[in-house]
C-alpha atoms as a PDB file:
ATOM      1  CA  MET A   1     -82.826  86.026  83.298  1.00  0.00           C
ATOM      2  CA  ASP A   2     -82.695  89.971  84.867  1.00  0.00           C
ATOM      3  CA  ALA A   3     -80.649  91.016  82.119  1.00  0.00           C
ATOM      4  CA  ILE A   4     -82.565  90.015  79.332  1.00  0.00           C
ATOM      5  CA  GLY A   5     -86.177  91.485  80.975  1.00  0.00           C
ATOM      6  CA  GLY A   6     -83.825  95.138  81.442  1.00  0.00           C
ATOM      7  CA  ILE A   7     -82.931  94.787  77.618  1.00  0.00           C
ATOM      8  CA  VAL A   8     -86.400  93.726  76.006  1.00  0.00           C
ATOM      9  CA  GLY A   9     -87.971  96.793  78.641  1.00  0.00           C
ATOM     10  CA  LEU A  10     -85.364  99.205  77.203  1.00  0.00           C
ATOM     11  CA  LEU A  11     -86.227  98.154  73.635  1.00  0.00           C
ATOM     12  CA  ILE A  12     -90.155  98.395  74.228  1.00  0.00           C
ATOM     13  CA  GLY A  13     -89.156 102.039  75.837  1.00  0.00           C
ATOM     14  CA  ILE A  14     -87.405 103.121  72.678  1.00  0.00           C
ATOM     15  CA  ALA A  15     -90.077 101.523  70.749  1.00  0.00           C
ATOM     16  CA  ILE A  16     -92.892 103.625  72.089  1.00  0.00           C
ATOM     17  CA  VAL A  17     -90.575 106.505  72.069  1.00  0.00           C
ATOM     18  CA  VAL A  18     -90.225 106.282  68.447  1.00  0.00           C
ATOM     19  CA  LEU A  19     -94.124 106.229  67.899  1.00  0.00           C
ATOM     20  CA  ILE A  20     -94.839 108.812  69.928  1.00  0.00           C
ATOM     21  CA  ILE A  21     -92.334 111.010  67.953  1.00  0.00           C
ATOM     22  CA  TRP A  22     -93.665 109.860  64.954  1.00  0.00           C
ATOM     23  CA  ALA A  23     -97.585 110.317  65.905  1.00  0.00           C
ATOM     24  CA  ILE A  24     -96.270 114.404  67.365  1.00  0.00           C
ATOM     25  CA  ARG A  25     -94.699 114.679  63.760  1.00  0.00           C
ATOM     26  CA  GLU A  26     -97.571 113.780  61.751  1.00  0.00           C
ATOM     27  CA  LEU A  27     -99.767 115.689  63.787  1.00  0.00           C
ATOM     28  CA  LEU A  28     -97.467 118.703  63.215  1.00  0.00           C
ATOM     29  CA  CYS A  29     -97.163 118.336  59.254  1.00  0.00           C
ATOM     30  CA  TRP A  30    -100.900 118.326  59.419  1.00  0.00           C
ATOM     31  CA  TYR A  31    -101.243 121.205  61.727  1.00  0.00           C
ATOM     32  CA  TRP A  32     -98.970 123.357  59.522  1.00  0.00           C
ATOM     33  CA  LYS A  33     -99.882 121.493  56.291  1.00  0.00           C
ATOM     34  CA  ILE A  34     -96.266 121.080  55.037  1.00  0.00           C
ATOM     35  CA  ASN A  35     -97.654 117.919  53.259  1.00  0.00           C
ATOM     36  CA  GLN A  36     -99.939 119.811  51.075  1.00  0.00           C
ATOM     37  CA  ILE A  37     -96.770 122.377  50.801  1.00  0.00           C
ATOM     38  CA  VAL A  38     -94.742 119.691  49.413  1.00  0.00           C
ATOM     39  CA  LYS A  39     -97.341 118.284  46.916  1.00  0.00           C
ATOM     40  CA  ILE A  40     -98.334 122.208  45.640  1.00  0.00           C
ATOM     41  CA  GLN A  41     -94.217 122.710  45.267  1.00  0.00           C
ATOM     42  CA  GLN A  42     -93.933 119.345  43.509  1.00  0.00           C
ATOM     43  CA  ALA A  43     -96.590 120.564  40.762  1.00  0.00           C
ATOM     44  CA  MET A  44     -95.250 124.007  40.362  1.00  0.00           C
ATOM     45  CA  LEU A  45     -91.635 122.407  39.432  1.00  0.00           C
ATOM     46  CA  GLU A  46     -93.097 120.090  37.407  1.00  0.00           C
ATOM     47  CA  ALA A  47     -95.356 123.387  35.246  1.00  0.00           C
ATOM     48  CA  THR A  48     -92.136 125.409  35.706  1.00  0.00           C
ATOM     49  CA  LEU A  49     -89.949 122.109  33.681  1.00  0.00           C
ATOM     50  CA  LYS A  50     -92.575 121.591  31.052  1.00  0.00           C
ATOM     51  CA  ILE A  51     -92.737 125.569  30.414  1.00  0.00           C
ATOM     52  CA  TYR A  52     -88.543 125.195  30.663  1.00  0.00           C
ATOM     53  CA  GLU A  53     -89.015 122.390  28.245  1.00  0.00           C
ATOM     54  CA  GLN A  54     -91.646 123.935  25.562  1.00  0.00           C
ATOM     55  CA  ASN A  55     -89.031 126.829  25.012  1.00  0.00           C
ATOM     56  CA  GLY A  56     -86.407 124.272  23.847  1.00  0.00           C
ATOM     57  CA  GLY A  57     -84.912 123.223  27.120  1.00  0.00           C
ATOM     58  CA  LYS A  58     -84.013 119.974  28.000  1.00  0.00           C
ATOM     59  CA  VAL A  59     -85.176 118.119  30.823  1.00  0.00           C
ATOM     60  CA  ASN A  60     -83.949 114.490  32.291  1.00  0.00           C
ATOM     61  CA  TRP A  61     -87.718 113.398  33.396  1.00  0.00           C
ATOM     62  CA  ASP A  62     -86.313 110.407  35.206  1.00  0.00           C
ATOM     63  CA  GLU A  63     -83.927 112.161  37.573  1.00  0.00           C
ATOM     64  CA  VAL A  64     -86.905 114.884  38.759  1.00  0.00           C
ATOM     65  CA  ASN A  65     -89.141 111.752  38.829  1.00  0.00           C
ATOM     66  CA  LYS A  66     -86.538 110.065  41.712  1.00  0.00           C
ATOM     67  CA  VAL A  67     -86.679 113.488  43.185  1.00  0.00           C
ATOM     68  CA  ILE A  68     -90.233 114.138  43.348  1.00  0.00           C
ATOM     69  CA  LYS A  69     -91.507 110.778  43.999  1.00  0.00           C
END
């Protein structure tokens, strides 16, 4: 029984550390506006590809959407 309690404690500790790291990552992404920057870059890519398409280029939008979304 003591070994099982140690394993459970270890798993709970790992879960807490993962949650703390995730929370810190979200806080840093918010502070440095990384999420907003990524959205802006995605919009710029879409606009650039539309211009490319208007000038006669071919764009595989299925592949683009897989990467962007």
